[in-house]
């Protein structure tokens, strides 16, 4: 039913976790972003921003032609709405969940991503940039930790809000001491133990096992894009 265009990144993990949690039939279509496969014209027809994940739903609700979607937040919202799973139906609960999904897409993901880049991949270590993103990641961790005092999961019941945030909190390379965020640590351990999450990360290892460490060519592909690579 679903074709998932995927590479084992935090945003890619979001969709495999959802699909494994719900048992939706899907076909995994790896897109090796280190080799530039995201620029293939066939993939760009599905994901014009040349980013994974993307999906093609061959059985959309409207009964029309196959539906393609890019952007992980949109995909999670679409799948949750279609299946009725992991996205609350009740009006207020739904919007509570969606606001945290958008919080992750607009805040936690971008800030942690810049944290990773300047701390791990940048050719020169720029102290201001590293401090800026490490501190902002810590602030966002604290926001989430405070929210998780109230309930086991971010928006009450386990939902797409948790699925979106977990892959961005999982990495240990973000300059954070998880022990300073006890509610977040508890939440992280709880999600890590879910069978669907275990399966999703096992799948990631099987796909990414063939990917070598980043060389200069891969760095140029991943970090050297500009308007010229789009045109």
Protein backbone atom coordinates (compact mmCIF):
# COMPACT_ATOMS: atom_id res chain seq x y z
CA UNK A 1 0.00 0.00 0.00
CA UNK A 2 2.75 2.46 0.98
CA UNK A 3 6.09 2.98 -0.73
CA UNK A 4 8.50 4.57 1.74
CA UNK A 5 11.52 6.38 0.33
CA UNK A 6 13.94 6.22 3.21
CA UNK A 7 17.41 6.53 4.60
CA UNK A 8 18.29 5.89 8.28
CA UNK A 9 18.19 9.48 9.54
CA UNK A 10 16.08 10.85 12.40
CA UNK A 11 13.40 11.98 9.97
CA UNK A 12 13.47 8.63 8.22
CA UNK A 13 13.10 6.80 11.54
CA UNK A 14 9.88 8.67 12.28
CA UNK A 15 8.05 6.98 9.43
CA UNK A 16 9.37 3.46 9.94
CA UNK A 17 8.39 3.71 13.62
CA UNK A 18 4.85 4.76 12.68
CA UNK A 19 4.50 2.03 10.08
CA UNK A 20 5.86 -0.63 12.43
CA UNK A 21 3.57 0.56 15.23
CA UNK A 22 0.47 0.34 13.05
CA UNK A 23 1.33 -2.70 10.95
CA UNK A 24 0.59 -0.93 7.67
CA UNK A 25 1.97 -2.83 4.70
CA UNK A 26 4.84 -0.91 3.14
CA UNK A 27 7.70 -1.34 0.73
CA UNK A 28 11.00 0.20 1.73
CA UNK A 29 12.82 2.04 -1.04
CA UNK A 30 16.26 3.14 0.21
CA UNK A 31 17.55 6.46 -1.09
CA UNK A 32 21.28 6.68 -0.37
CA UNK A 33 21.68 10.38 0.33
CA UNK A 34 25.45 9.98 0.70
CA UNK A 35 25.65 9.01 -2.97
CA UNK A 36 23.28 11.70 -4.24
CA UNK A 37 20.35 9.40 -5.03
CA UNK A 38 18.01 12.12 -3.72
CA UNK A 39 18.68 14.05 -6.93
CA UNK A 40 17.35 11.33 -9.22
CA UNK A 41 14.56 12.83 -11.36
CA UNK A 42 12.20 9.99 -10.44
CA UNK A 43 12.67 10.76 -6.76
CA UNK A 44 12.36 14.52 -7.29
CA UNK A 45 8.96 13.91 -8.85
CA UNK A 46 7.90 12.58 -5.44
CA UNK A 47 10.01 14.80 -3.18
CA UNK A 48 10.82 18.11 -4.92
CA UNK A 49 12.87 19.29 -1.92
CA UNK A 50 15.30 16.37 -2.55
CA UNK A 51 14.96 15.14 1.02
CA UNK A 52 13.84 11.91 2.61
CA UNK A 53 11.45 10.62 3.81
CA UNK A 54 8.73 10.59 1.19
CA UNK A 55 5.87 8.21 0.57
CA UNK A 56 3.58 7.12 -2.21
CA UNK A 57 0.21 5.84 -1.01
CA UNK A 58 -1.24 3.53 -3.65
CA UNK A 59 -4.61 3.40 -1.87
CA UNK A 60 -5.50 6.97 -0.88
CA UNK A 61 -8.76 7.67 0.89
CA UNK A 62 -10.21 9.58 -2.05
CA UNK A 63 -9.82 6.53 -4.28
CA UNK A 64 -7.85 8.49 -6.83
CA UNK A 65 -4.39 8.08 -8.32
CA UNK A 66 -1.47 7.22 -6.02
CA UNK A 67 -0.69 10.11 -3.68
CA UNK A 68 2.89 11.22 -3.03
CA UNK A 69 3.90 13.20 0.04
CA UNK A 70 7.17 14.62 1.34
CA UNK A 71 8.06 16.22 4.71
CA UNK A 72 8.02 13.91 7.72
CA UNK A 73 5.51 15.95 9.73
CA UNK A 74 3.01 16.00 6.87
CA UNK A 75 3.48 12.26 6.35
CA UNK A 76 2.85 11.49 10.02
CA UNK A 77 -0.26 13.67 10.08
CA UNK A 78 -1.53 12.10 6.86
CA UNK A 79 -0.97 8.54 8.03
CA UNK A 80 -2.45 9.26 11.43
CA UNK A 81 -5.54 10.80 9.85
CA UNK A 82 -5.91 7.99 7.34
CA UNK A 83 -5.57 5.13 9.81
CA UNK A 84 -7.06 6.70 12.91
CA UNK A 85 -3.98 5.54 14.80
CA UNK A 86 -1.54 7.59 16.89
CA UNK A 87 -3.37 10.85 16.16
CA UNK A 88 -6.27 11.58 18.53
CA UNK A 89 -9.73 12.00 17.02
CA UNK A 90 -11.13 14.15 19.81
CA UNK A 91 -10.91 17.83 18.85
CA UNK A 92 -8.79 19.26 21.65
CA UNK A 93 -6.61 16.19 22.02
CA UNK A 94 -5.89 16.28 18.30
CA UNK A 95 -4.68 19.87 18.41
CA UNK A 96 -2.63 19.22 21.53
CA UNK A 97 -0.89 16.45 19.63
CA UNK A 98 -0.43 18.46 16.43
CA UNK A 99 1.06 21.46 18.19
CA UNK A 100 3.80 19.23 19.58
CA UNK A 101 4.32 17.59 16.21
CA UNK A 102 4.86 21.05 14.69
CA UNK A 103 7.08 22.00 17.65
CA UNK A 104 9.36 19.14 16.73
CA UNK A 105 9.33 19.92 13.02
CA UNK A 106 9.96 23.64 13.53
CA UNK A 107 12.16 23.56 16.61
CA UNK A 108 13.69 20.40 17.99
CA UNK A 109 14.64 18.93 14.61
CA UNK A 110 16.25 22.01 13.06
CA UNK A 111 18.08 23.04 16.24
CA UNK A 112 19.40 19.54 16.96
CA UNK A 113 20.35 19.21 13.30
CA UNK A 114 22.46 22.37 13.41
CA UNK A 115 23.90 21.13 16.70
CA UNK A 116 25.03 17.94 14.95
CA UNK A 117 26.41 19.83 11.97
CA UNK A 118 28.54 22.39 13.76
CA UNK A 119 29.69 19.98 16.45
CA UNK A 120 30.46 17.02 14.22
CA UNK A 121 30.64 17.86 10.51
CA UNK A 122 31.71 21.49 10.07
CA UNK A 123 35.25 21.76 8.68
CA UNK A 124 36.12 24.34 11.34
CA UNK A 125 34.87 24.52 14.91
CA UNK A 126 33.02 27.79 15.38
CA UNK A 127 32.55 28.28 19.10
CA UNK A 128 29.63 30.70 18.81
CA UNK A 129 27.66 28.35 16.55
CA UNK A 130 28.37 25.31 18.71
CA UNK A 131 27.33 27.12 21.89
CA UNK A 132 24.24 28.56 20.22
CA UNK A 133 22.86 25.22 19.09
CA UNK A 134 23.95 23.15 22.09
CA UNK A 135 22.26 25.68 24.38
CA UNK A 136 19.09 25.82 22.28
CA UNK A 137 18.94 22.02 22.16
CA UNK A 138 19.22 22.04 25.95
CA UNK A 139 16.42 24.58 26.21
CA UNK A 140 14.17 22.41 24.05
CA UNK A 141 15.05 19.34 26.11
CA UNK A 142 14.00 21.29 29.20
CA UNK A 143 10.70 22.29 27.60
CA UNK A 144 9.98 18.66 26.82
CA UNK A 145 11.12 17.49 30.24
CA UNK A 146 8.75 19.95 31.91
CA UNK A 147 5.85 18.79 29.74
CA UNK A 148 6.59 15.15 30.55
CA UNK A 149 6.09 15.81 34.26
CA UNK A 150 2.38 15.81 33.48
CA UNK A 151 1.96 12.57 31.59
CA UNK A 152 3.76 9.48 30.39
CA UNK A 153 3.90 10.75 26.81
CA UNK A 154 4.05 14.21 25.26
CA UNK A 155 0.39 14.73 24.39
CA UNK A 156 -1.17 12.28 26.84
CA UNK A 157 -1.38 8.96 25.00
CA UNK A 158 1.47 7.75 22.81
CA UNK A 159 1.16 9.53 19.48
CA UNK A 160 2.86 11.00 16.43
CA UNK A 161 4.21 13.73 18.74
CA UNK A 162 6.36 11.13 20.51
CA UNK A 163 7.28 9.36 17.28
CA UNK A 164 8.49 12.64 15.75
CA UNK A 165 10.55 13.72 18.76
CA UNK A 166 12.17 10.48 19.84
CA UNK A 167 14.65 10.08 16.94
CA UNK A 168 15.95 13.59 17.59
CA UNK A 169 16.42 13.00 21.33
CA UNK A 170 17.99 9.56 20.90
CA UNK A 171 21.48 10.63 19.68
CA UNK A 172 24.12 10.99 22.37
CA UNK A 173 26.08 13.61 20.41
CA UNK A 174 24.05 16.68 21.26
CA UNK A 175 26.09 17.97 24.19
CA UNK A 176 23.37 17.15 26.72
CA UNK A 177 23.47 15.22 29.98
CA UNK A 178 20.22 13.26 29.89
CA UNK A 179 20.37 12.81 33.67
CA UNK A 180 19.58 16.52 33.97
CA UNK A 181 16.20 15.78 32.36
CA UNK A 182 14.73 12.90 34.41
CA UNK A 183 11.27 12.96 32.81
CA UNK A 184 12.79 13.02 29.35
CA UNK A 185 15.11 10.16 30.27
CA UNK A 186 12.18 8.06 31.50
CA UNK A 187 10.23 8.82 28.31
CA UNK A 188 13.23 7.99 26.13
CA UNK A 189 13.76 4.64 27.83
CA UNK A 190 10.06 3.78 27.59
CA UNK A 191 9.95 4.44 23.86
CA UNK A 192 13.23 2.64 23.20
CA UNK A 193 11.71 -0.53 24.65
CA UNK A 194 8.66 -0.54 22.39
CA UNK A 195 8.84 -3.55 20.01
CA UNK A 196 7.97 -1.43 16.98
CA UNK A 197 10.81 0.98 17.76
CA UNK A 198 13.22 -1.93 18.17
CA UNK A 199 12.14 -3.26 14.77
CA UNK A 200 12.46 0.14 13.12
CA UNK A 201 16.02 0.64 14.32
CA UNK A 202 16.99 -2.91 13.38
CA UNK A 203 15.73 -2.14 9.89
CA UNK A 204 17.83 1.04 9.88
CA UNK A 205 20.95 -0.94 10.63
CA UNK A 206 20.27 -3.35 7.81
CA UNK A 207 19.80 -0.51 5.31
CA UNK A 208 22.62 1.71 6.51
CA UNK A 209 25.15 -1.07 6.98
CA UNK A 210 26.33 -0.62 3.41
CA UNK A 211 26.93 3.10 3.84
CA UNK A 212 30.62 3.94 4.39
CA UNK A 213 31.72 6.82 6.63
CA UNK A 214 31.34 10.23 5.03
CA UNK A 215 34.13 11.01 2.61
CA UNK A 216 34.77 14.33 0.86
CA UNK A 217 32.42 13.46 -1.99
CA UNK A 218 29.57 12.62 0.41
CA UNK A 219 30.19 15.82 2.37
CA UNK A 220 29.91 17.87 -0.83
CA UNK A 221 26.62 16.15 -1.65
CA UNK A 222 25.13 16.59 1.81
CA UNK A 223 26.48 20.00 2.76
CA UNK A 224 27.37 21.69 -0.52
CA UNK A 225 23.91 22.29 -1.92
CA UNK A 226 22.78 25.72 -3.13
CA UNK A 227 20.35 27.27 -5.56
CA UNK A 228 22.51 25.87 -8.35
CA UNK A 229 21.86 22.27 -7.27
CA UNK A 230 18.13 22.91 -7.58
CA UNK A 231 18.29 24.64 -10.94
